Protein backbone atom coordinates (compact mmCIF):
# COMPACT_ATOMS: atom_id res chain seq x y z
CA MET A 1 0.00 0.00 0.00
CA ARG A 2 1.37 3.40 -0.97
CA GLU A 3 1.85 6.14 1.57
CA ARG A 4 -0.81 8.83 1.44
CA ARG A 5 0.39 12.39 0.67
CA ASP A 6 0.16 14.69 3.69
CA LYS A 7 -2.50 17.38 3.45
CA VAL A 8 -0.16 20.39 3.34
CA ASN A 9 1.83 18.96 0.44
CA TYR A 10 -1.43 18.00 -1.27
CA TYR A 11 -2.49 21.66 -1.29
CA LEU A 12 1.03 22.75 -2.26
CA ASP A 13 0.87 20.27 -5.15
CA LEU A 14 -2.35 21.98 -6.24
CA ALA A 15 -0.63 25.38 -6.00
CA GLU A 16 2.24 24.06 -8.10
CA THR A 17 -0.20 22.87 -10.75
CA VAL A 18 -1.95 26.26 -10.71
CA ALA A 19 1.45 27.94 -11.19
CA GLN A 20 1.80 26.19 -14.55
CA ARG A 21 -0.73 28.69 -15.92
CA GLY A 22 1.60 31.58 -15.01
CA THR A 23 2.80 33.91 -17.73
CA CYS A 24 5.77 35.58 -16.02
CA LEU A 25 9.16 35.27 -17.71
CA ARG A 26 10.99 35.31 -14.33
CA ARG A 27 8.99 33.39 -11.75
CA ASN A 28 5.70 31.57 -11.72
CA TYR A 29 3.72 31.13 -8.55
CA GLY A 30 0.49 29.40 -7.80
CA ALA A 31 -1.69 30.15 -4.78
CA VAL A 32 -4.50 28.12 -3.29
CA ILE A 33 -6.69 29.45 -0.46
CA VAL A 34 -8.17 26.71 1.73
CA LYS A 35 -10.55 26.82 4.66
CA ASN A 36 -11.95 23.79 6.48
CA ASP A 37 -10.39 21.50 3.86
CA GLU A 38 -12.27 23.26 1.06
CA VAL A 39 -10.49 25.10 -1.74
CA ILE A 40 -11.88 28.63 -1.72
CA SER A 41 -9.95 30.01 -4.70
CA THR A 42 -6.78 29.79 -6.73
CA GLY A 43 -4.53 32.29 -8.46
CA TYR A 44 -1.44 32.42 -10.62
CA VAL A 45 0.88 35.15 -11.91
CA GLY A 46 -0.44 36.92 -15.01
CA ALA A 47 -1.36 40.26 -16.52
CA PRO A 48 -4.77 41.75 -15.76
CA ARG A 49 -7.58 40.22 -17.80
CA GLY A 50 -7.52 41.42 -21.37
CA ARG A 51 -3.96 42.79 -21.25
CA LYS A 52 -1.04 41.09 -22.93
CA ASN A 53 1.08 38.88 -20.73
CA CYS A 54 4.87 39.12 -20.56
CA SER A 55 4.99 35.68 -22.18
CA ASP A 56 2.97 37.14 -25.10
CA ILE A 57 5.20 40.17 -25.63
CA GLY A 58 8.43 38.35 -24.79
CA VAL A 59 9.83 40.91 -22.38
CA CYS A 60 10.00 41.46 -18.63
CA ILE A 61 10.58 45.12 -17.82
CA ARG A 62 11.84 44.32 -14.31
CA GLU A 63 14.36 41.85 -15.72
CA GLU A 64 15.52 44.37 -18.36
CA MET A 65 16.07 46.90 -15.58
CA ASN A 66 17.92 44.36 -13.36
CA ILE A 67 15.48 44.90 -10.51
CA PRO A 68 16.00 42.33 -7.73
CA ARG A 69 13.16 40.14 -6.54
CA GLY A 70 10.99 41.70 -3.89
CA GLU A 71 11.43 45.25 -5.20
CA ARG A 72 9.62 47.68 -7.54
CA TYR A 73 6.58 45.51 -8.26
CA GLU A 74 4.67 48.58 -9.43
CA LEU A 75 6.63 48.19 -12.68
CA CYS A 76 5.49 44.60 -13.17
CA ARG A 77 2.76 43.85 -15.74
CA SER A 78 1.43 40.95 -13.69
CA VAL A 79 -0.93 40.47 -10.81
CA HIS A 80 0.65 38.14 -8.27
CA ALA A 81 -0.76 34.70 -7.51
CA GLU A 82 -1.75 35.65 -3.96
CA ALA A 83 -3.57 38.77 -5.17
CA ASN A 84 -5.41 36.85 -7.89
CA ALA A 85 -6.53 34.21 -5.38
CA ILE A 86 -7.70 36.89 -2.92
CA ILE A 87 -9.54 38.81 -5.66
CA SER A 88 -11.43 35.62 -6.54
CA ALA A 89 -12.65 34.89 -2.99
CA SER A 90 -15.08 36.56 -0.63
CA ARG A 91 -13.55 37.85 2.59
CA ASP A 92 -15.92 35.94 4.85
CA LYS A 93 -14.56 32.70 3.40
CA MET A 94 -10.94 33.80 3.81
CA ILE A 95 -11.13 34.74 7.50
CA GLY A 96 -9.16 32.04 9.31
CA ALA A 97 -8.11 30.35 6.06
CA SER A 98 -4.66 29.27 4.89
CA ILE A 99 -2.95 30.14 1.62
CA TYR A 100 -0.57 27.67 -0.04
CA LEU A 101 2.18 29.03 -2.33
CA ALA A 102 4.45 27.25 -4.76
CA GLY A 103 6.87 29.08 -7.03
CA THR A 104 9.34 28.08 -9.69
CA ASP A 105 11.90 29.86 -11.82
CA ALA A 106 10.36 30.33 -15.27
CA LYS A 107 13.62 29.49 -17.06
CA THR A 108 14.91 26.54 -15.03
CA GLY A 109 11.74 25.16 -13.46
CA GLU A 110 13.56 24.98 -10.12
CA TYR A 111 11.87 25.97 -6.88
CA ILE A 112 12.50 29.54 -5.70
CA PRO A 113 14.81 29.45 -2.67
CA ASN A 114 13.65 31.33 0.46
CA SER A 115 10.45 32.28 -1.31
CA ASN A 116 7.97 34.58 0.40
CA SER A 117 5.15 36.95 -0.43
CA CYS A 118 6.12 40.48 -1.48
CA SER A 119 5.21 43.37 0.81
CA MET A 120 2.09 44.23 -1.22
CA CYS A 121 0.81 40.64 -1.10
CA LYS A 122 1.59 40.45 2.62
CA ARG A 123 -0.67 43.45 3.18
CA MET A 124 -3.46 41.86 1.14
CA ILE A 125 -3.11 38.54 2.97
CA ILE A 126 -3.32 40.36 6.31
CA ASN A 127 -6.43 42.32 5.29
CA ALA A 128 -8.09 39.24 3.80
CA GLY A 129 -8.06 37.63 7.26
CA ILE A 130 -5.91 34.68 6.21
CA GLU A 131 -4.20 33.09 9.24
CA ASN A 132 -1.43 30.92 7.80
CA VAL A 133 0.82 30.89 4.75
CA TYR A 134 2.50 27.67 3.61
CA VAL A 135 5.41 28.16 1.22
CA ARG A 136 6.95 25.28 -0.72
CA ASP A 137 10.75 24.98 -0.54
CA ASP A 138 11.02 21.75 -2.54
CA LYS A 139 8.77 18.85 -3.53
CA ASN A 140 8.30 17.66 0.06
CA ASN A 141 9.42 20.51 2.32
CA TYR A 142 7.69 23.75 3.19
CA ARG A 143 7.54 26.55 5.72
CA LYS A 144 4.51 27.61 7.72
CA ILE A 145 4.21 31.32 8.42
CA GLU A 146 1.65 32.63 10.88
CA VAL A 147 0.30 35.87 9.41
CA ARG A 148 0.26 37.51 12.84
CA GLU A 149 4.10 37.42 12.61
CA TRP A 150 3.84 39.79 9.62
CA ILE A 151 1.63 42.08 11.69
CA GLU A 152 3.87 42.03 14.76
CA ASN A 153 7.15 42.25 12.79
CA ASP A 154 6.28 44.95 10.27
CA GLU A 155 9.29 45.12 7.91
CA SER A 156 7.93 48.29 6.32
CA LEU A 157 8.72 50.28 9.50
CA ALA A 158 12.42 49.58 9.04
CA GLY A 159 12.34 50.28 5.30
CA GLN A 160 13.38 46.70 4.54
CA LYS A 161 13.43 45.85 0.83
CA GLY A 162 12.95 42.52 -0.84
CA TYR A 163 12.54 39.29 1.06
């Protein structure tokens, strides 16, 4: 009898599958919001509906400008996976929920080391009422972040950039 996949990795596997729809030329993330073992919504990285994706135009402005990850997202054409998942869910369903994130490098397909939500997505996750964030580090390992840590340890007060 085969060993059953643990629940966290099951949801992270779903997030990884969702990420395959991503259109970013740098990194593709998938997000799955879950509450009471029910998938509330999903999201992946892509341009706003109706606009051309970076994969369509073949250029990433942030990459051309050598902007490091975690900085200057206002220049990005895409809506992040977390934001797209939050946009697609009603707040009452997100209060107390968890969000599962899986990200890979668009060129190599490798997992993003030390991955985390950007400062804008952190703010949205906080306001959505989500309690926990699970971030995939590799196929079987992940980190659990309690959102209250982002509230109590506000990196924006110190002017910290990136992640």
